[in-house]
Amino acid sequence: MHIDWAALGSVFGVSLVSTVALVGLFTLGIVGLSKRESASAQDGSAALAVTGAYACFAACAAAVAYGIYLIVA
């Protein structure tokens, strides 16, 4: 049995980068939703924060769906 260490390292690198990116996007979504609550407490408009949060969550969902597509295909 021969292990292709370069391919294994490549898979590890891509999975690490994609995991960090998904966690970052989800964190930005949570921060956007928390800004909505603080803006509504100060009688301000939070439409931009909510839109950004929903965009981050949609990007996370799209990345997960694409990953599932790559596994299934």
PDB file of N, CA and C in Angstrom:
ATOM      1  N   MET A   1       0.848  -1.180   0.000  1.00  0.00           N
ATOM      2  CA  MET A   1       0.000   0.000   0.000  1.00  0.00           C
ATOM      3  C   MET A   1       0.892   1.240   0.000  1.00  0.00           C
ATOM      4  N   HIS A   2       0.524   2.183  -0.849  1.00  0.00           N
ATOM      5  CA  HIS A   2       1.294   3.413  -0.969  1.00  0.00           C
ATOM      6  C   HIS A   2       0.396   4.604  -0.617  1.00  0.00           C
ATOM      7  N   ILE A   3       0.870   5.429   0.295  1.00  0.00           N
ATOM      8  CA  ILE A   3       0.105   6.601   0.706  1.00  0.00           C
ATOM      9  C   ILE A   3       0.670   7.815  -0.018  1.00  0.00           C
ATOM     10  N   ASP A   4      -0.191   8.531  -0.700  1.00  0.00           N
ATOM     11  CA  ASP A   4       0.218   9.760  -1.382  1.00  0.00           C
ATOM     12  C   ASP A   4       0.146  10.902  -0.367  1.00  0.00           C
ATOM     13  N   TRP A   5       1.274  11.201   0.244  1.00  0.00           N
ATOM     14  CA  TRP A   5       1.315  12.182   1.324  1.00  0.00           C
ATOM     15  C   TRP A   5       1.006  13.588   0.833  1.00  0.00           C
ATOM     16  N   ALA A   6       1.363  13.901  -0.406  1.00  0.00           N
ATOM     17  CA  ALA A   6       1.071  15.234  -0.950  1.00  0.00           C
ATOM     18  C   ALA A   6      -0.433  15.438  -1.093  1.00  0.00           C
ATOM     19  N   ALA A   7      -1.129  14.409  -1.574  1.00  0.00           N
ATOM     20  CA  ALA A   7      -2.581  14.507  -1.714  1.00  0.00           C
ATOM     21  C   ALA A   7      -3.245  14.572  -0.346  1.00  0.00           C
ATOM     22  N   LEU A   8      -2.736  13.805   0.602  1.00  0.00           N
ATOM     23  CA  LEU A   8      -3.296  13.832   1.952  1.00  0.00           C
ATOM     24  C   LEU A   8      -3.102  15.205   2.589  1.00  0.00           C
ATOM     25  N   GLY A   9      -1.939  15.792   2.400  1.00  0.00           N
ATOM     26  CA  GLY A   9      -1.690  17.140   2.911  1.00  0.00           C
ATOM     27  C   GLY A   9      -2.561  18.181   2.231  1.00  0.00           C
ATOM     28  N   SER A  10      -2.791  18.010   0.935  1.00  0.00           N
ATOM     29  CA  SER A  10      -3.656  18.934   0.203  1.00  0.00           C
ATOM     30  C   SER A  10      -5.092  18.868   0.719  1.00  0.00           C
ATOM     31  N   VAL A  11      -5.586  17.674   0.948  1.00  0.00           N
ATOM     32  CA  VAL A  11      -6.941  17.507   1.481  1.00  0.00           C
ATOM     33  C   VAL A  11      -7.043  18.123   2.872  1.00  0.00           C
ATOM     34  N   PHE A  12      -6.026  17.903   3.699  1.00  0.00           N
ATOM     35  CA  PHE A  12      -6.023  18.489   5.035  1.00  0.00           C
ATOM     36  C   PHE A  12      -6.029  20.015   4.968  1.00  0.00           C
ATOM     37  N   GLY A  13      -5.220  20.590   4.081  1.00  0.00           N
ATOM     38  CA  GLY A  13      -5.156  22.053   3.958  1.00  0.00           C
ATOM     39  C   GLY A  13      -6.470  22.651   3.494  1.00  0.00           C
ATOM     40  N   VAL A  14      -7.074  22.033   2.499  1.00  0.00           N
ATOM     41  CA  VAL A  14      -8.349  22.548   1.980  1.00  0.00           C
ATOM     42  C   VAL A  14      -9.442  22.426   3.031  1.00  0.00           C
ATOM     43  N   SER A  15      -9.473  21.316   3.745  1.00  0.00           N
ATOM     44  CA  SER A  15     -10.505  21.153   4.774  1.00  0.00           C
ATOM     45  C   SER A  15     -10.295  22.129   5.927  1.00  0.00           C
ATOM     46  N   LEU A  16      -9.054  22.398   6.289  1.00  0.00           N
ATOM     47  CA  LEU A  16      -8.777  23.354   7.352  1.00  0.00           C
ATOM     48  C   LEU A  16      -9.198  24.769   6.955  1.00  0.00           C
ATOM     49  N   VAL A  17      -8.851  25.176   5.743  1.00  0.00           N
ATOM     50  CA  VAL A  17      -9.211  26.521   5.271  1.00  0.00           C
ATOM     51  C   VAL A  17     -10.724  26.665   5.142  1.00  0.00           C
ATOM     52  N   SER A  18     -11.390  25.643   4.606  1.00  0.00           N
ATOM     53  CA  SER A  18     -12.838  25.749   4.443  1.00  0.00           C
ATOM     54  C   SER A  18     -13.553  25.751   5.801  1.00  0.00           C
ATOM     55  N   THR A  19     -13.043  25.008   6.763  1.00  0.00           N
ATOM     56  CA  THR A  19     -13.643  25.012   8.096  1.00  0.00           C
ATOM     57  C   THR A  19     -13.496  26.370   8.762  1.00  0.00           C
ATOM     58  N   VAL A  20     -12.321  26.946   8.672  1.00  0.00           N
ATOM     59  CA  VAL A  20     -12.100  28.271   9.258  1.00  0.00           C
ATOM     60  C   VAL A  20     -12.978  29.319   8.568  1.00  0.00           C
ATOM     61  N   ALA A  21     -13.115  29.207   7.250  1.00  0.00           N
ATOM     62  CA  ALA A  21     -13.954  30.164   6.517  1.00  0.00           C
ATOM     63  C   ALA A  21     -15.424  30.037   6.912  1.00  0.00           C
ATOM     64  N   LEU A  22     -15.916  28.808   7.059  1.00  0.00           N
ATOM     65  CA  LEU A  22     -17.317  28.627   7.456  1.00  0.00           C
ATOM     66  C   LEU A  22     -17.565  29.127   8.872  1.00  0.00           C
ATOM     67  N   VAL A  23     -16.641  28.864   9.764  1.00  0.00           N
ATOM     68  CA  VAL A  23     -16.793  29.359  11.138  1.00  0.00           C
ATOM     69  C   VAL A  23     -16.760  30.881  11.149  1.00  0.00           C
ATOM     70  N   GLY A  24     -15.894  31.479  10.347  1.00  0.00           N
ATOM     71  CA  GLY A  24     -15.831  32.939  10.252  1.00  0.00           C
ATOM     72  C   GLY A  24     -17.116  33.539   9.708  1.00  0.00           C
ATOM     73  N   LEU A  25     -17.662  32.939   8.651  1.00  0.00           N
ATOM     74  CA  LEU A  25     -18.924  33.439   8.091  1.00  0.00           C
ATOM     75  C   LEU A  25     -20.065  33.316   9.094  1.00  0.00           C
ATOM     76  N   PHE A  26     -20.135  32.182   9.770  1.00  0.00           N
ATOM     77  CA  PHE A  26     -21.203  32.000  10.753  1.00  0.00           C
ATOM     78  C   PHE A  26     -21.057  32.991  11.894  1.00  0.00           C
ATOM     79  N   THR A  27     -19.821  33.254  12.307  1.00  0.00           N
ATOM     80  CA  THR A  27     -19.579  34.235  13.365  1.00  0.00           C
ATOM     81  C   THR A  27     -20.013  35.624  12.934  1.00  0.00           C
ATOM     82  N   LEU A  28     -19.720  35.987  11.688  1.00  0.00           N
ATOM     83  CA  LEU A  28     -20.174  37.287  11.188  1.00  0.00           C
ATOM     84  C   LEU A  28     -21.696  37.383  11.182  1.00  0.00           C
ATOM     85  N   GLY A  29     -22.364  36.286  10.861  1.00  0.00           N
ATOM     86  CA  GLY A  29     -23.822  36.274  10.912  1.00  0.00           C
ATOM     87  C   GLY A  29     -24.351  36.483  12.322  1.00  0.00           C
ATOM     88  N   ILE A  30     -23.743  35.830  13.287  1.00  0.00           N
ATOM     89  CA  ILE A  30     -24.153  36.002  14.686  1.00  0.00           C
ATOM     90  C   ILE A  30     -23.895  37.432  15.147  1.00  0.00           C
ATOM     91  N   VAL A  31     -22.758  37.994  14.761  1.00  0.00           N
ATOM     92  CA  VAL A  31     -22.447  39.383  15.134  1.00  0.00           C
ATOM     93  C   VAL A  31     -23.452  40.340  14.507  1.00  0.00           C
ATOM     94  N   GLY A  32     -23.847  40.075  13.259  1.00  0.00           N
ATOM     95  CA  GLY A  32     -24.854  40.914  12.606  1.00  0.00           C
ATOM     96  C   GLY A  32     -26.195  40.865  13.318  1.00  0.00           C
ATOM     97  N   LEU A  33     -26.571  39.690  13.765  1.00  0.00           N
ATOM     98  CA  LEU A  33     -27.835  39.595  14.501  1.00  0.00           C
ATOM     99  C   LEU A  33     -27.751  40.272  15.864  1.00  0.00           C
ATOM    100  N   SER A  34     -26.599  40.229  16.493  1.00  0.00           N
ATOM    101  CA  SER A  34     -26.466  40.916  17.774  1.00  0.00           C
ATOM    102  C   SER A  34     -26.476  42.430  17.588  1.00  0.00           C
ATOM    103  N   LYS A  35     -25.966  42.909  16.459  1.00  0.00           N
ATOM    104  CA  LYS A  35     -26.028  44.350  16.163  1.00  0.00           C
ATOM    105  C   LYS A  35     -27.473  44.788  15.951  1.00  0.00           C
ATOM    106  N   ARG A  36     -28.300  43.880  15.410  1.00  0.00           N
ATOM    107  CA  ARG A  36     -29.715  44.211  15.230  1.00  0.00           C
ATOM    108  C   ARG A  36     -30.368  44.465  16.580  1.00  0.00           C
ATOM    109  N   GLU A  37     -30.069  43.637  17.541  1.00  0.00           N
ATOM    110  CA  GLU A  37     -30.678  43.803  18.858  1.00  0.00           C
ATOM    111  C   GLU A  37     -30.204  45.076  19.535  1.00  0.00           C
ATOM    112  N   SER A  38     -28.929  45.407  19.396  1.00  0.00           N
ATOM    113  CA  SER A  38     -28.441  46.636  20.024  1.00  0.00           C
ATOM    114  C   SER A  38     -28.957  47.873  19.297  1.00  0.00           C
ATOM    115  N   ALA A  39     -29.134  47.789  17.977  1.00  0.00           N
ATOM    116  CA  ALA A  39     -29.672  48.934  17.239  1.00  0.00           C
ATOM    117  C   ALA A  39     -31.149  49.140  17.542  1.00  0.00           C
ATOM    118  N   SER A  40     -31.891  48.057  17.706  1.00  0.00           N
ATOM    119  CA  SER A  40     -33.314  48.218  18.030  1.00  0.00           C
ATOM    120  C   SER A  40     -33.489  48.733  19.455  1.00  0.00           C
ATOM    121  N   ALA A  41     -32.540  48.428  20.330  1.00  0.00           N
ATOM    122  CA  ALA A  41     -32.612  48.954  21.695  1.00  0.00           C
ATOM    123  C   ALA A  41     -32.340  50.454  21.721  1.00  0.00           C
ATOM    124  N   GLN A  42     -31.573  50.948  20.745  1.00  0.00           N
ATOM    125  CA  GLN A  42     -31.255  52.370  20.673  1.00  0.00           C
ATOM    126  C   GLN A  42     -32.165  53.100  19.688  1.00  0.00           C
ATOM    127  N   ASP A  43     -33.257  52.490  19.291  1.00  0.00           N
ATOM    128  CA  ASP A  43     -34.220  53.057  18.338  1.00  0.00           C
ATOM    129  C   ASP A  43     -33.572  53.410  17.011  1.00  0.00           C
ATOM    130  N   GLY A  44     -32.682  52.563  16.533  1.00  0.00           N
ATOM    131  CA  GLY A  44     -32.031  52.780  15.245  1.00  0.00           C
ATOM    132  C   GLY A  44     -32.481  51.742  14.234  1.00  0.00           C
ATOM    133  N   SER A  45     -32.080  51.952  12.981  1.00  0.00           N
ATOM    134  CA  SER A  45     -32.414  51.014  11.921  1.00  0.00           C
ATOM    135  C   SER A  45     -31.306  49.974  11.818  1.00  0.00           C
ATOM    136  N   ALA A  46     -31.691  48.723  11.763  1.00  0.00           N
ATOM    137  CA  ALA A  46     -30.713  47.645  11.716  1.00  0.00           C
ATOM    138  C   ALA A  46     -30.856  46.815  10.446  1.00  0.00           C
ATOM    139  N   ALA A  47     -31.380  47.421   9.391  1.00  0.00           N
ATOM    140  CA  ALA A  47     -31.623  46.671   8.159  1.00  0.00           C
ATOM    141  C   ALA A  47     -30.321  46.167   7.535  1.00  0.00           C
ATOM    142  N   LEU A  48     -29.278  46.968   7.570  1.00  0.00           N
ATOM    143  CA  LEU A  48     -28.006  46.551   6.967  1.00  0.00           C
ATOM    144  C   LEU A  48     -27.390  45.393   7.749  1.00  0.00           C
ATOM    145  N   ALA A  49     -27.466  45.445   9.063  1.00  0.00           N
ATOM    146  CA  ALA A  49     -26.912  44.369   9.890  1.00  0.00           C
ATOM    147  C   ALA A  49     -27.662  43.058   9.659  1.00  0.00           C
ATOM    148  N   VAL A  50     -28.971  43.138   9.556  1.00  0.00           N
ATOM    149  CA  VAL A  50     -29.775  41.937   9.340  1.00  0.00           C
ATOM    150  C   VAL A  50     -29.525  41.376   7.943  1.00  0.00           C
ATOM    151  N   THR A  51     -29.422  42.243   6.958  1.00  0.00           N
ATOM    152  CA  THR A  51     -29.154  41.799   5.596  1.00  0.00           C
ATOM    153  C   THR A  51     -27.791  41.128   5.508  1.00  0.00           C
ATOM    154  N   GLY A  52     -26.799  41.701   6.143  1.00  0.00           N
ATOM    155  CA  GLY A  52     -25.473  41.090   6.161  1.00  0.00           C
ATOM    156  C   GLY A  52     -25.464  39.753   6.880  1.00  0.00           C
ATOM    157  N   ALA A  53     -26.195  39.670   7.976  1.00  0.00           N
ATOM    158  CA  ALA A  53     -26.271  38.409   8.719  1.00  0.00           C
ATOM    159  C   ALA A  53     -26.937  37.323   7.886  1.00  0.00           C
ATOM    160  N   TYR A  54     -28.037  37.667   7.225  1.00  0.00           N
ATOM    161  CA  TYR A  54     -28.709  36.681   6.387  1.00  0.00           C
ATOM    162  C   TYR A  54     -27.845  36.281   5.200  1.00  0.00           C
ATOM    163  N   ALA A  55     -27.071  37.206   4.663  1.00  0.00           N
ATOM    164  CA  ALA A  55     -26.156  36.876   3.563  1.00  0.00           C
ATOM    165  C   ALA A  55     -25.068  35.913   4.034  1.00  0.00           C
ATOM    166  N   CYS A  56     -24.565  36.124   5.231  1.00  0.00           N
ATOM    167  CA  CYS A  56     -23.557  35.210   5.784  1.00  0.00           C
ATOM    168  C   CYS A  56     -24.143  33.819   6.005  1.00  0.00           C
ATOM    169  N   PHE A  57     -25.345  33.752   6.550  1.00  0.00           N
ATOM    170  CA  PHE A  57     -25.976  32.457   6.760  1.00  0.00           C
ATOM    171  C   PHE A  57     -26.282  31.763   5.433  1.00  0.00           C
ATOM    172  N   ALA A  58     -26.676  32.530   4.430  1.00  0.00           N
ATOM    173  CA  ALA A  58     -26.935  31.945   3.111  1.00  0.00           C
ATOM    174  C   ALA A  58     -25.648  31.420   2.487  1.00  0.00           C
ATOM    175  N   ALA A  59     -24.547  32.136   2.661  1.00  0.00           N
ATOM    176  CA  ALA A  59     -23.265  31.664   2.138  1.00  0.00           C
ATOM    177  C   ALA A  59     -22.823  30.386   2.849  1.00  0.00           C
ATOM    178  N   CYS A  60     -23.070  30.302   4.144  1.00  0.00           N
ATOM    179  CA  CYS A  60     -22.757  29.076   4.893  1.00  0.00           C
ATOM    180  C   CYS A  60     -23.592  27.907   4.370  1.00  0.00           C
ATOM    181  N   ALA A  61     -24.870  28.143   4.168  1.00  0.00           N
ATOM    182  CA  ALA A  61     -25.747  27.084   3.669  1.00  0.00           C
ATOM    183  C   ALA A  61     -25.339  26.648   2.263  1.00  0.00           C
ATOM    184  N   ALA A  62     -24.942  27.605   1.429  1.00  0.00           N
ATOM    185  CA  ALA A  62     -24.505  27.268   0.083  1.00  0.00           C
ATOM    186  C   ALA A  62     -23.209  26.461   0.103  1.00  0.00           C
ATOM    187  N   ALA A  63     -22.289  26.805   0.986  1.00  0.00           N
ATOM    188  CA  ALA A  63     -21.027  26.064   1.077  1.00  0.00           C
ATOM    189  C   ALA A  63     -21.276  24.641   1.571  1.00  0.00           C
ATOM    190  N   VAL A  64     -22.158  24.476   2.532  1.00  0.00           N
ATOM    191  CA  VAL A  64     -22.480  23.136   3.029  1.00  0.00           C
ATOM    192  C   VAL A  64     -23.178  22.323   1.941  1.00  0.00           C
ATOM    193  N   ALA A  65     -24.100  22.940   1.222  1.00  0.00           N
ATOM    194  CA  ALA A  65     -24.790  22.244   0.136  1.00  0.00           C
ATOM    195  C   ALA A  65     -23.809  21.839  -0.964  1.00  0.00           C
ATOM    196  N   TYR A  66     -22.852  22.703  -1.273  1.00  0.00           N
ATOM    197  CA  TYR A  66     -21.851  22.371  -2.285  1.00  0.00           C
ATOM    198  C   TYR A  66     -20.963  21.222  -1.806  1.00  0.00           C
ATOM    199  N   GLY A  67     -20.615  21.211  -0.541  1.00  0.00           N
ATOM    200  CA  GLY A  67     -19.829  20.116   0.004  1.00  0.00           C
ATOM    201  C   GLY A  67     -20.575  18.798  -0.068  1.00  0.00           C
ATOM    202  N   ILE A  68     -21.855  18.817   0.246  1.00  0.00           N
ATOM    203  CA  ILE A  68     -22.666  17.609   0.146  1.00  0.00           C
ATOM    204  C   ILE A  68     -22.766  17.162  -1.314  1.00  0.00           C
ATOM    205  N   TYR A  69     -22.900  18.123  -2.215  1.00  0.00           N
ATOM    206  CA  TYR A  69     -22.942  17.792  -3.651  1.00  0.00           C
ATOM    207  C   TYR A  69     -21.635  17.127  -4.079  1.00  0.00           C
ATOM    208  N   LEU A  70     -20.492  17.640  -3.610  1.00  0.00           N
ATOM    209  CA  LEU A  70     -19.205  17.043  -3.977  1.00  0.00           C
ATOM    210  C   LEU A  70     -19.070  15.635  -3.416  1.00  0.00           C
ATOM    211  N   ILE A  71     -19.607  15.379  -2.233  1.00  0.00           N
ATOM    212  CA  ILE A  71     -19.525  14.050  -1.652  1.00  0.00           C
ATOM    213  C   ILE A  71     -20.403  13.072  -2.417  1.00  0.00           C
ATOM    214  N   VAL A  72     -21.608  13.508  -2.773  1.00  0.00           N
ATOM    215  CA  VAL A  72     -22.555  12.621  -3.434  1.00  0.00           C
ATOM    216  C   VAL A  72     -22.169  12.369  -4.897  1.00  0.00           C
ATOM    217  N   ALA A  73     -21.707  13.387  -5.579  1.00  0.00           N
ATOM    218  CA  ALA A  73     -21.410  13.263  -7.022  1.00  0.00           C
ATOM    219  C   ALA A  73     -20.202  12.416  -7.311  1.00  0.00           C
TER     220      ALA A  73
END
